[in-house]
C-alpha atoms as a PDB file:
ATOM      1  CA  MET A   1     101.528 116.900  74.731  1.00  0.00           C
ATOM      2  CA  LEU A   2     101.983 120.460  75.985  1.00  0.00           C
ATOM      3  CA  ARG A   3      98.201 120.941  75.996  1.00  0.00           C
ATOM      4  CA  LEU A   4      97.748 117.794  78.054  1.00  0.00           C
ATOM      5  CA  ILE A   5     100.337 118.958  80.581  1.00  0.00           C
ATOM      6  CA  CYS A   6      98.707 122.388  80.792  1.00  0.00           C
ATOM      7  CA  LEU A   7      95.223 120.922  81.293  1.00  0.00           C
ATOM      8  CA  PHE A   8      96.510 118.549  83.947  1.00  0.00           C
ATOM      9  CA  SER A   9      98.332 121.402  85.720  1.00  0.00           C
ATOM     10  CA  ILE A  10      95.193 123.524  85.734  1.00  0.00           C
ATOM     11  CA  ALA A  11      93.105 120.678  87.153  1.00  0.00           C
ATOM     12  CA  VAL A  12      95.631 119.909  89.857  1.00  0.00           C
ATOM     13  CA  SER A  13      96.379 123.514  90.739  1.00  0.00           C
ATOM     14  CA  SER A  14      92.709 124.260  91.341  1.00  0.00           C
ATOM     15  CA  ILE A  15      92.672 121.550  94.006  1.00  0.00           C
ATOM     16  CA  ALA A  16      95.953 122.701  95.506  1.00  0.00           C
ATOM     17  CA  ASN A  17      94.963 126.367  95.457  1.00  0.00           C
ATOM     18  CA  ALA A  18      91.683 125.605  97.150  1.00  0.00           C
ATOM     19  CA  GLY A  19      93.607 124.032 100.020  1.00  0.00           C
ATOM     20  CA  GLN A  20      91.220 121.118  99.763  1.00  0.00           C
ATOM     21  CA  PHE A  21      91.612 118.311 102.244  1.00  0.00           C
ATOM     22  CA  TYR A  22      89.691 115.215 101.327  1.00  0.00           C
ATOM     23  CA  SER A  23      88.257 112.583 103.557  1.00  0.00           C
ATOM     24  CA  TYR A  24      89.104 109.062 102.494  1.00  0.00           C
ATOM     25  CA  ARG A  25      85.665 108.623 100.918  1.00  0.00           C
ATOM     26  CA  GLN A  26      85.990 111.875  98.968  1.00  0.00           C
ATOM     27  CA  TRP A  27      89.451 110.885  97.776  1.00  0.00           C
ATOM     28  CA  VAL A  28      88.271 107.485  96.543  1.00  0.00           C
ATOM     29  CA  ALA A  29      85.577 109.240  94.499  1.00  0.00           C
ATOM     30  CA  LEU A  30      88.182 111.294  92.610  1.00  0.00           C
ATOM     31  CA  ASP A  31      89.434 110.427  89.158  1.00  0.00           C
ATOM     32  CA  GLU A  32      92.390 108.017  89.189  1.00  0.00           C
ATOM     33  CA  SER A  33      94.898 110.655  88.086  1.00  0.00           C
ATOM     34  CA  LEU A  34      93.756 113.106  90.764  1.00  0.00           C
ATOM     35  CA  ARG A  35      93.963 110.384  93.423  1.00  0.00           C
ATOM     36  CA  SER A  36      97.557 109.738  92.353  1.00  0.00           C
ATOM     37  CA  VAL A  37      98.512 113.391  92.564  1.00  0.00           C
ATOM     38  CA  TYR A  38      96.754 113.844  95.885  1.00  0.00           C
ATOM     39  CA  ILE A  39      98.382 110.785  97.502  1.00  0.00           C
ATOM     40  CA  ALA A  40     101.800 112.063  96.387  1.00  0.00           C
ATOM     41  CA  GLY A  41     101.066 115.344  98.156  1.00  0.00           C
ATOM     42  CA  VAL A  42      99.873 113.551 101.277  1.00  0.00           C
ATOM     43  CA  PHE A  43     103.008 111.386 101.297  1.00  0.00           C
ATOM     44  CA  ASP A  44     105.264 114.431 100.897  1.00  0.00           C
ATOM     45  CA  SER A  45     103.331 116.287 103.601  1.00  0.00           C
ATOM     46  CA  LEU A  46     103.621 113.428 106.056  1.00  0.00           C
ATOM     47  CA  LEU A  47     107.346 113.179 105.473  1.00  0.00           C
ATOM     48  CA  GLY A  48     107.641 116.956 105.754  1.00  0.00           C
ATOM     49  CA  ILE A  49     105.925 116.956 109.140  1.00  0.00           C
ATOM     50  CA  VAL A  50     108.324 114.309 110.379  1.00  0.00           C
ATOM     51  CA  ARG A  51     111.284 116.251 108.976  1.00  0.00           C
ATOM     52  CA  ASP A  52     110.136 119.344 110.866  1.00  0.00           C
ATOM     53  CA  ARG A  53     110.373 117.347 114.102  1.00  0.00           C
ATOM     54  CA  ASN A  54     113.916 116.219 113.194  1.00  0.00           C
ATOM     55  CA  ASP A  55     112.906 112.540 113.031  1.00  0.00           C
ATOM     56  CA  LEU A  56     115.035 111.848 109.964  1.00  0.00           C
ATOM     57  CA  PRO A  57     115.270 108.059 110.559  1.00  0.00           C
ATOM     58  CA  VAL A  58     111.467 107.906 110.255  1.00  0.00           C
ATOM     59  CA  THR A  59     111.486 109.976 107.074  1.00  0.00           C
ATOM     60  CA  LYS A  60     114.258 107.888 105.547  1.00  0.00           C
ATOM     61  CA  HIS A  61     112.543 104.645 106.543  1.00  0.00           C
ATOM     62  CA  TYR A  62     109.321 105.359 104.653  1.00  0.00           C
ATOM     63  CA  ASP A  63     110.937 107.212 101.777  1.00  0.00           C
ATOM     64  CA  ASN A  64     113.453 104.400 101.240  1.00  0.00           C
ATOM     65  CA  CYS A  65     110.739 101.756 101.513  1.00  0.00           C
ATOM     66  CA  ILE A  66     108.591 103.292  98.776  1.00  0.00           C
ATOM     67  CA  THR A  67     111.658 104.053  96.656  1.00  0.00           C
ATOM     68  CA  ARG A  68     113.002 100.475  96.966  1.00  0.00           C
ATOM     69  CA  ALA A  69     109.587  99.149  95.991  1.00  0.00           C
ATOM     70  CA  ASN A  70     109.790 101.366  92.894  1.00  0.00           C
ATOM     71  CA  MET A  71     106.187 102.318  93.615  1.00  0.00           C
ATOM     72  CA  SER A  72     104.639 105.019  91.446  1.00  0.00           C
ATOM     73  CA  ASN A  73     102.090 107.470  92.821  1.00  0.00           C
ATOM     74  CA  GLY A  74      99.362 105.552  91.011  1.00  0.00           C
ATOM     75  CA  GLU A  75     100.499 102.273  92.533  1.00  0.00           C
ATOM     76  CA  LEU A  76     100.678 103.839  95.986  1.00  0.00           C
ATOM     77  CA  ALA A  77      97.132 105.161  95.608  1.00  0.00           C
ATOM     78  CA  TYR A  78      95.888 101.765  94.409  1.00  0.00           C
ATOM     79  CA  ASN A  79      97.681  99.950  97.238  1.00  0.00           C
ATOM     80  CA  VAL A  80      96.243 102.280  99.875  1.00  0.00           C
ATOM     81  CA  MET A  81      92.746 101.731  98.463  1.00  0.00           C
ATOM     82  CA  ALA A  82      93.203  97.934  98.458  1.00  0.00           C
ATOM     83  CA  PHE A  83      94.547  98.078 102.019  1.00  0.00           C
ATOM     84  CA  VAL A  84      91.680 100.213 103.323  1.00  0.00           C
ATOM     85  CA  LYS A  85      89.058  98.128 101.530  1.00  0.00           C
ATOM     86  CA  THR A  86      89.559  95.400 104.143  1.00  0.00           C
ATOM     87  CA  ARG A  87      89.639  97.871 107.047  1.00  0.00           C
ATOM     88  CA  PRO A  88      86.289  99.697 107.245  1.00  0.00           C
ATOM     89  CA  GLU A  89      87.381 101.744 110.277  1.00  0.00           C
ATOM     90  CA  LEU A  90      89.964 103.502 108.090  1.00  0.00           C
ATOM     91  CA  GLN A  91      87.326 104.446 105.519  1.00  0.00           C
ATOM     92  CA  GLU A  92      85.954 106.981 108.001  1.00  0.00           C
ATOM     93  CA  ARG A  93      89.296 108.734 108.448  1.00  0.00           C
ATOM     94  CA  SER A  94      91.472 111.047 106.449  1.00  0.00           C
ATOM     95  CA  VAL A  95      93.626 110.044 103.506  1.00  0.00           C
ATOM     96  CA  SER A  96      96.713 110.734 105.601  1.00  0.00           C
ATOM     97  CA  GLY A  97      95.484 108.361 108.312  1.00  0.00           C
ATOM     98  CA  ALA A  98      94.865 105.651 105.740  1.00  0.00           C
ATOM     99  CA  LEU A  99      98.286 106.233 104.179  1.00  0.00           C
ATOM    100  CA  MET A 100     100.111 106.113 107.519  1.00  0.00           C
ATOM    101  CA  ASN A 101      98.412 102.842 108.436  1.00  0.00           C
ATOM    102  CA  TYR A 102      99.341 101.415 105.036  1.00  0.00           C
ATOM    103  CA  LEU A 103     102.970 102.545 105.341  1.00  0.00           C
ATOM    104  CA  ILE A 104     103.350 101.050 108.813  1.00  0.00           C
ATOM    105  CA  THR A 105     101.914  97.749 107.616  1.00  0.00           C
ATOM    106  CA  TYR A 106     103.808  97.659 104.302  1.00  0.00           C
ATOM    107  CA  CYS A 107     107.166  99.054 105.435  1.00  0.00           C
ATOM    108  CA  GLY A 108     107.077  98.123 109.087  1.00  0.00           C
ATOM    109  CA  PRO A 109     107.461 100.518 111.978  1.00  0.00           C
ATOM    110  CA  PRO A 110     110.265 103.055 111.743  1.00  0.00           C
ATOM    111  CA  PRO A 111     113.523 102.475 113.598  1.00  0.00           C
ATOM    112  CA  MET A 112     113.562 103.768 117.145  1.00  0.00           C
ATOM    113  CA  ASP A 113     116.839 105.717 117.136  1.00  0.00           C
END
């Protein structure tokens, strides 16, 4: 088990250390486990950007939505892919753009406080 964790950490850290940003098409081509890790990072980054602007109701809205749905990173990645499959215009964008569109559709728009 420790070997598996170490190998996974090495694979993921090489992507993170490279500062790699994937287009949606590049992301879809990744292995399932790497897509899951990457989407988790994109989700955290998006919420971090909102936090930096002091829009905590927005952050809470999307974080609570995904938490209430008990959605794993793998499920989130799968759901984003299924969502974008029917929206070809999103396939030409970034993973973060695809994720934001999915979150707005799935969770609804954030509260306007």
